[in-house]
Amino acid sequence: MYEITPQGVFVPFATGFRQAMGLGLSPEGELFATDVSGSWVPTSVLLHVQKGRFYSHPDGLKWDPNFEGRQVTAEMIRQMRTPPVVYVPRGPMGSALGQPVWDTTGGRFGPFGGQNFHMPTGPAWW
């Protein structure tokens, strides 16, 4: 993920995503993303994205000057990895998660105040 400054500068923010499917800001302004299952990511996840962190998938490290010419090992990945907030079972909840959104209606949406919602993508029968 990248941040674009008000001056238009493209700055690396975080890495380690396989295929981020949705981005959302919590009511407190914290960045969250969903990522889909695949290599290095066992199932769909919700991630609390923080600047400078690594989130499991090593492909993005090829652009990191700290890893130039170095072989990345599974042990390195385990040590660097920031775990997800939650793992979401594949199948009953679809095959991937969409954009995270929060109930900020102040109770007008029922008993879900402050809770996080996701719309699954892909068929639920997979």
N, C-alpha and C. Protein backbone atom coordinates (compact mmCIF):
# COMPACT_ATOMS: atom_id res chain seq x y z
N MET A 1 0.85 -1.17 0.00
CA MET A 1 0.00 0.00 0.00
C MET A 1 0.89 1.22 0.00
N TYR A 2 0.37 2.25 -0.62
CA TYR A 2 1.11 3.49 -0.73
C TYR A 2 0.27 4.65 -0.22
N GLU A 3 0.96 5.66 0.22
CA GLU A 3 0.34 6.90 0.65
C GLU A 3 0.73 7.96 -0.37
N ILE A 4 -0.19 8.82 -0.73
CA ILE A 4 0.12 9.93 -1.63
C ILE A 4 0.02 11.20 -0.78
N THR A 5 1.12 11.91 -0.66
CA THR A 5 1.14 13.12 0.16
C THR A 5 0.38 14.24 -0.54
N PRO A 6 0.03 15.30 0.19
CA PRO A 6 -0.64 16.45 -0.45
C PRO A 6 0.19 17.05 -1.59
N GLN A 7 1.50 16.82 -1.57
CA GLN A 7 2.37 17.32 -2.64
C GLN A 7 2.44 16.35 -3.82
N GLY A 8 1.72 15.22 -3.72
CA GLY A 8 1.69 14.25 -4.82
C GLY A 8 2.83 13.24 -4.79
N VAL A 9 3.55 13.13 -3.67
CA VAL A 9 4.65 12.18 -3.56
C VAL A 9 4.09 10.81 -3.18
N PHE A 10 4.53 9.78 -3.89
CA PHE A 10 4.11 8.39 -3.70
C PHE A 10 5.04 7.76 -2.67
N VAL A 11 4.54 7.43 -1.46
CA VAL A 11 5.37 6.94 -0.35
C VAL A 11 4.90 5.54 0.06
N PRO A 12 5.81 4.55 0.15
CA PRO A 12 5.41 3.23 0.65
C PRO A 12 4.80 3.35 2.04
N PHE A 13 3.70 2.61 2.27
CA PHE A 13 3.01 2.66 3.56
C PHE A 13 3.11 1.33 4.29
N ALA A 14 2.72 0.23 3.64
CA ALA A 14 2.77 -1.11 4.22
C ALA A 14 2.84 -2.12 3.08
N THR A 15 3.31 -3.34 3.39
CA THR A 15 3.44 -4.36 2.35
C THR A 15 3.02 -5.73 2.90
N GLY A 16 2.99 -6.71 2.02
CA GLY A 16 2.67 -8.07 2.43
C GLY A 16 1.25 -8.48 2.13
N PHE A 17 0.61 -7.81 1.19
CA PHE A 17 -0.75 -8.15 0.82
C PHE A 17 -0.73 -9.06 -0.40
N ARG A 18 -1.58 -10.06 -0.40
CA ARG A 18 -1.70 -10.93 -1.56
C ARG A 18 -2.55 -10.25 -2.61
N GLN A 19 -3.78 -9.93 -2.24
CA GLN A 19 -4.71 -9.26 -3.15
C GLN A 19 -5.74 -8.55 -2.29
N ALA A 20 -5.37 -7.38 -1.81
CA ALA A 20 -6.29 -6.62 -0.96
C ALA A 20 -7.58 -6.36 -1.72
N MET A 21 -8.71 -6.70 -1.09
CA MET A 21 -10.01 -6.59 -1.76
C MET A 21 -10.79 -5.34 -1.36
N GLY A 22 -10.55 -4.83 -0.18
CA GLY A 22 -11.30 -3.67 0.26
C GLY A 22 -10.53 -2.89 1.31
N LEU A 23 -10.73 -1.58 1.31
CA LEU A 23 -10.13 -0.70 2.30
C LEU A 23 -11.23 0.04 3.03
N GLY A 24 -11.02 0.32 4.30
CA GLY A 24 -11.99 1.09 5.06
C GLY A 24 -11.32 1.79 6.22
N LEU A 25 -11.85 2.96 6.55
CA LEU A 25 -11.37 3.70 7.72
C LEU A 25 -12.38 3.52 8.84
N SER A 26 -11.88 3.15 10.02
CA SER A 26 -12.75 3.01 11.18
C SER A 26 -13.23 4.40 11.60
N PRO A 27 -14.23 4.47 12.46
CA PRO A 27 -14.67 5.78 12.96
C PRO A 27 -13.55 6.56 13.65
N GLU A 28 -12.53 5.84 14.12
CA GLU A 28 -11.38 6.50 14.76
C GLU A 28 -10.30 6.88 13.74
N GLY A 29 -10.53 6.61 12.46
CA GLY A 29 -9.57 6.97 11.42
C GLY A 29 -8.47 5.94 11.19
N GLU A 30 -8.63 4.73 11.74
CA GLU A 30 -7.63 3.68 11.54
C GLU A 30 -7.92 2.95 10.22
N LEU A 31 -6.87 2.59 9.50
CA LEU A 31 -7.00 1.94 8.20
C LEU A 31 -7.11 0.43 8.37
N PHE A 32 -8.10 -0.17 7.72
CA PHE A 32 -8.29 -1.61 7.69
C PHE A 32 -8.38 -2.06 6.24
N ALA A 33 -7.94 -3.29 5.99
CA ALA A 33 -8.02 -3.88 4.65
C ALA A 33 -8.39 -5.34 4.77
N THR A 34 -8.99 -5.86 3.73
CA THR A 34 -9.24 -7.30 3.65
C THR A 34 -8.28 -7.87 2.63
N ASP A 35 -7.90 -9.13 2.81
CA ASP A 35 -7.02 -9.81 1.87
C ASP A 35 -7.58 -11.21 1.65
N VAL A 36 -7.33 -11.76 0.47
CA VAL A 36 -7.92 -13.05 0.12
C VAL A 36 -6.93 -14.19 0.34
N SER A 37 -7.47 -15.38 0.44
CA SER A 37 -6.65 -16.57 0.66
C SER A 37 -5.79 -16.86 -0.57
N GLY A 38 -4.74 -17.59 -0.33
CA GLY A 38 -3.81 -17.99 -1.39
C GLY A 38 -2.46 -18.25 -0.76
N SER A 39 -1.43 -18.23 -1.57
CA SER A 39 -0.10 -18.51 -1.03
C SER A 39 0.23 -17.52 0.09
N TRP A 40 0.69 -18.05 1.21
CA TRP A 40 1.07 -17.34 2.42
C TRP A 40 -0.12 -16.80 3.21
N VAL A 41 -1.34 -16.84 2.67
CA VAL A 41 -2.53 -16.35 3.36
C VAL A 41 -3.54 -17.50 3.38
N PRO A 42 -3.75 -18.18 4.53
CA PRO A 42 -4.54 -19.41 4.55
C PRO A 42 -6.03 -19.24 4.29
N THR A 43 -6.59 -18.08 4.60
CA THR A 43 -8.02 -17.81 4.38
C THR A 43 -8.18 -16.30 4.33
N SER A 44 -9.38 -15.83 4.03
CA SER A 44 -9.61 -14.39 3.99
C SER A 44 -9.36 -13.80 5.38
N VAL A 45 -8.83 -12.58 5.39
CA VAL A 45 -8.48 -11.93 6.66
C VAL A 45 -8.89 -10.46 6.66
N LEU A 46 -9.07 -9.95 7.86
CA LEU A 46 -9.22 -8.52 8.08
C LEU A 46 -7.94 -8.05 8.75
N LEU A 47 -7.32 -7.02 8.18
CA LEU A 47 -6.03 -6.52 8.67
C LEU A 47 -6.17 -5.09 9.17
N HIS A 48 -5.56 -4.80 10.31
CA HIS A 48 -5.43 -3.43 10.79
C HIS A 48 -4.11 -2.93 10.23
N VAL A 49 -4.17 -2.10 9.21
CA VAL A 49 -2.98 -1.69 8.46
C VAL A 49 -2.29 -0.53 9.15
N GLN A 50 -1.02 -0.74 9.47
CA GLN A 50 -0.22 0.30 10.13
C GLN A 50 1.04 0.55 9.32
N LYS A 51 1.44 1.80 9.31
CA LYS A 51 2.59 2.22 8.51
C LYS A 51 3.84 1.41 8.86
N GLY A 52 4.52 0.93 7.81
CA GLY A 52 5.78 0.21 7.97
C GLY A 52 5.64 -1.26 8.30
N ARG A 53 4.43 -1.75 8.43
CA ARG A 53 4.23 -3.15 8.81
C ARG A 53 4.19 -4.07 7.59
N PHE A 54 4.40 -5.36 7.86
CA PHE A 54 4.40 -6.41 6.85
C PHE A 54 3.30 -7.40 7.20
N TYR A 55 2.49 -7.82 6.20
CA TYR A 55 1.29 -8.61 6.46
C TYR A 55 1.26 -9.99 5.81
N SER A 56 2.33 -10.65 5.62
CA SER A 56 2.42 -12.07 5.26
C SER A 56 2.92 -12.40 3.86
N HIS A 57 2.44 -11.74 2.83
CA HIS A 57 2.77 -12.18 1.48
C HIS A 57 4.07 -11.50 1.02
N PRO A 58 5.11 -12.28 0.69
CA PRO A 58 6.45 -11.72 0.46
C PRO A 58 6.68 -11.04 -0.89
N ASP A 59 5.76 -11.12 -1.84
CA ASP A 59 6.04 -10.56 -3.17
C ASP A 59 6.45 -9.09 -3.14
N GLY A 60 5.82 -8.29 -2.29
CA GLY A 60 6.14 -6.87 -2.24
C GLY A 60 7.54 -6.56 -1.74
N LEU A 61 8.18 -7.53 -1.10
CA LEU A 61 9.53 -7.29 -0.58
C LEU A 61 10.55 -7.09 -1.70
N LYS A 62 10.23 -7.52 -2.91
CA LYS A 62 11.18 -7.36 -4.02
C LYS A 62 11.45 -5.89 -4.33
N TRP A 63 10.56 -5.00 -3.89
CA TRP A 63 10.77 -3.57 -4.10
C TRP A 63 11.37 -2.88 -2.87
N ASP A 64 11.59 -3.62 -1.81
CA ASP A 64 12.14 -3.05 -0.57
C ASP A 64 13.66 -3.09 -0.66
N PRO A 65 14.32 -1.92 -0.61
CA PRO A 65 15.78 -1.90 -0.72
C PRO A 65 16.49 -2.68 0.39
N ASN A 66 15.83 -2.90 1.53
CA ASN A 66 16.42 -3.68 2.61
C ASN A 66 16.57 -5.15 2.27
N PHE A 67 15.86 -5.63 1.24
CA PHE A 67 15.91 -7.04 0.87
C PHE A 67 16.61 -7.27 -0.47
N GLU A 68 17.17 -6.24 -1.04
CA GLU A 68 17.86 -6.38 -2.32
C GLU A 68 19.01 -7.38 -2.22
N GLY A 69 18.95 -8.40 -3.06
CA GLY A 69 20.00 -9.42 -3.08
C GLY A 69 19.91 -10.45 -1.98
N ARG A 70 18.92 -10.35 -1.10
CA ARG A 70 18.78 -11.31 0.01
C ARG A 70 17.71 -12.34 -0.33
N GLN A 71 17.92 -13.55 0.12
CA GLN A 71 16.91 -14.59 -0.03
C GLN A 71 15.97 -14.50 1.17
N VAL A 72 14.68 -14.43 0.90
CA VAL A 72 13.68 -14.35 1.96
C VAL A 72 13.27 -15.77 2.32
N THR A 73 13.32 -16.10 3.60
CA THR A 73 12.98 -17.45 4.07
C THR A 73 11.64 -17.43 4.80
N ALA A 74 11.06 -18.62 4.98
CA ALA A 74 9.81 -18.74 5.72
C ALA A 74 9.97 -18.24 7.15
N GLU A 75 11.12 -18.49 7.76
CA GLU A 75 11.36 -18.02 9.12
C GLU A 75 11.38 -16.49 9.18
N MET A 76 11.98 -15.84 8.18
CA MET A 76 11.97 -14.38 8.13
C MET A 76 10.55 -13.85 8.04
N ILE A 77 9.73 -14.51 7.21
CA ILE A 77 8.33 -14.10 7.05
C ILE A 77 7.61 -14.20 8.39
N ARG A 78 7.80 -15.31 9.10
CA ARG A 78 7.13 -15.49 10.40
C ARG A 78 7.54 -14.40 11.40
N GLN A 79 8.80 -14.04 11.40
CA GLN A 79 9.28 -13.04 12.36
C GLN A 79 8.79 -11.63 12.03
N MET A 80 8.68 -11.32 10.75
CA MET A 80 8.29 -9.97 10.32
C MET A 80 6.79 -9.74 10.34
N ARG A 81 6.03 -10.79 10.24
CA ARG A 81 4.60 -10.74 9.98
C ARG A 81 3.79 -10.09 11.10
N THR A 82 2.86 -9.21 10.70
CA THR A 82 1.85 -8.68 11.60
C THR A 82 0.60 -9.52 11.37
N PRO A 83 0.11 -10.23 12.37
CA PRO A 83 -1.05 -11.11 12.16
C PRO A 83 -2.33 -10.30 11.91
N PRO A 84 -3.32 -10.95 11.30
CA PRO A 84 -4.59 -10.27 11.04
C PRO A 84 -5.40 -10.06 12.32
N VAL A 85 -6.37 -9.18 12.24
CA VAL A 85 -7.32 -8.98 13.33
C VAL A 85 -8.18 -10.22 13.47
N VAL A 86 -8.59 -10.78 12.32
CA VAL A 86 -9.45 -11.96 12.34
C VAL A 86 -9.25 -12.76 11.05
N TYR A 87 -9.29 -14.08 11.19
CA TYR A 87 -9.35 -14.98 10.04
C TYR A 87 -10.83 -15.29 9.79
N VAL A 88 -11.27 -15.24 8.56
CA VAL A 88 -12.67 -15.50 8.23
C VAL A 88 -12.76 -16.82 7.46
N PRO A 89 -13.57 -17.77 7.94
CA PRO A 89 -13.65 -19.07 7.28
C PRO A 89 -14.09 -18.95 5.82
N ARG A 90 -13.38 -19.64 4.98
CA ARG A 90 -13.74 -19.68 3.56
C ARG A 90 -14.88 -20.68 3.39
N GLY A 91 -15.86 -20.33 2.61
CA GLY A 91 -17.01 -21.20 2.38
C GLY A 91 -18.26 -20.61 2.97
N PRO A 92 -18.48 -20.78 4.29
CA PRO A 92 -19.73 -20.26 4.87
C PRO A 92 -19.89 -18.75 4.70
N MET A 93 -18.76 -18.02 4.62
CA MET A 93 -18.81 -16.56 4.51
C MET A 93 -18.42 -16.08 3.12
N GLY A 94 -18.43 -16.96 2.11
CA GLY A 94 -17.99 -16.58 0.78
C GLY A 94 -16.54 -16.93 0.58
N SER A 95 -15.98 -16.49 -0.53
CA SER A 95 -14.59 -16.84 -0.82
C SER A 95 -13.64 -15.67 -0.58
N ALA A 96 -14.16 -14.49 -0.36
CA ALA A 96 -13.32 -13.32 -0.10
C ALA A 96 -14.17 -12.26 0.59
N LEU A 97 -13.52 -11.31 1.22
CA LEU A 97 -14.22 -10.23 1.89
C LEU A 97 -14.12 -8.96 1.07
N GLY A 98 -15.16 -8.14 1.11
CA GLY A 98 -15.13 -6.85 0.43
C GLY A 98 -14.66 -5.75 1.37
N GLN A 99 -15.16 -4.56 1.13
CA GLN A 99 -14.75 -3.39 1.89
C GLN A 99 -15.33 -3.43 3.31
N PRO A 100 -14.49 -3.20 4.32
CA PRO A 100 -15.01 -3.12 5.68
C PRO A 100 -15.70 -1.78 5.91
N VAL A 101 -16.89 -1.82 6.53
CA VAL A 101 -17.62 -0.60 6.89
C VAL A 101 -18.11 -0.74 8.33
N TRP A 102 -18.35 0.38 8.98
CA TRP A 102 -18.77 0.39 10.38
C TRP A 102 -20.16 0.98 10.51
N ASP A 103 -20.91 0.46 11.47
CA ASP A 103 -22.21 1.02 11.78
C ASP A 103 -21.98 2.26 12.64
N THR A 104 -22.21 3.41 12.06
CA THR A 104 -22.04 4.68 12.77
C THR A 104 -23.40 5.39 12.89
N THR A 105 -24.49 4.62 12.85
CA THR A 105 -25.84 5.22 12.85
C THR A 105 -26.33 5.60 14.23
N GLY A 106 -25.58 5.29 15.26
CA GLY A 106 -26.02 5.63 16.61
C GLY A 106 -27.26 4.87 17.05
N GLY A 107 -27.36 3.60 16.62
CA GLY A 107 -28.47 2.77 17.04
C GLY A 107 -29.63 2.70 16.05
N ARG A 108 -29.60 3.46 14.98
CA ARG A 108 -30.69 3.44 14.00
C ARG A 108 -30.66 2.19 13.12
N PHE A 109 -29.59 1.38 13.20
CA PHE A 109 -29.48 0.16 12.41
C PHE A 109 -29.62 -1.07 13.30
N GLY A 110 -30.23 -0.90 14.43
CA GLY A 110 -30.43 -2.01 15.34
C GLY A 110 -29.30 -2.13 16.34
N PRO A 111 -29.05 -3.33 16.84
CA PRO A 111 -28.08 -3.51 17.93
C PRO A 111 -26.64 -3.66 17.45
N PHE A 112 -26.29 -3.03 16.33
CA PHE A 112 -24.97 -3.25 15.74
C PHE A 112 -24.04 -2.05 15.89
N GLY A 113 -24.34 -1.13 16.75
CA GLY A 113 -23.54 0.08 16.91
C GLY A 113 -22.05 -0.17 17.02
N GLY A 114 -21.28 0.48 16.16
CA GLY A 114 -19.83 0.39 16.19
C GLY A 114 -19.25 -0.87 15.60
N GLN A 115 -20.11 -1.82 15.21
CA GLN A 115 -19.60 -3.08 14.67
C GLN A 115 -19.16 -2.91 13.22
N ASN A 116 -18.29 -3.82 12.81
CA ASN A 116 -17.70 -3.83 11.48
C ASN A 116 -18.46 -4.83 10.60
N PHE A 117 -18.75 -4.43 9.36
CA PHE A 117 -19.47 -5.30 8.42
C PHE A 117 -18.66 -5.49 7.15
N HIS A 118 -18.87 -6.66 6.51
CA HIS A 118 -18.22 -6.98 5.25
C HIS A 118 -19.23 -7.64 4.33
N MET A 119 -19.14 -7.35 3.06
CA MET A 119 -19.95 -8.05 2.08
C MET A 119 -19.04 -9.10 1.44
N PRO A 120 -19.34 -10.39 1.65
CA PRO A 120 -18.51 -11.42 1.02
C PRO A 120 -18.62 -11.35 -0.50
N THR A 121 -17.55 -11.72 -1.16
CA THR A 121 -17.56 -11.79 -2.62
C THR A 121 -17.32 -13.22 -3.03
N GLY A 122 -17.75 -13.59 -4.18
CA GLY A 122 -17.56 -14.95 -4.66
C GLY A 122 -18.63 -15.87 -4.10
N PRO A 123 -18.84 -17.01 -4.73
CA PRO A 123 -19.88 -17.92 -4.27
C PRO A 123 -19.58 -18.51 -2.89
N ALA A 124 -20.60 -18.59 -2.07
CA ALA A 124 -20.44 -19.12 -0.71
C ALA A 124 -20.30 -20.64 -0.71
N TRP A 125 -20.58 -21.30 -1.79
CA TRP A 125 -20.52 -22.77 -1.82
C TRP A 125 -19.14 -23.31 -2.11
N TRP A 126 -18.13 -22.48 -2.34
CA TRP A 126 -16.78 -22.98 -2.66
C TRP A 126 -16.21 -23.73 -1.51
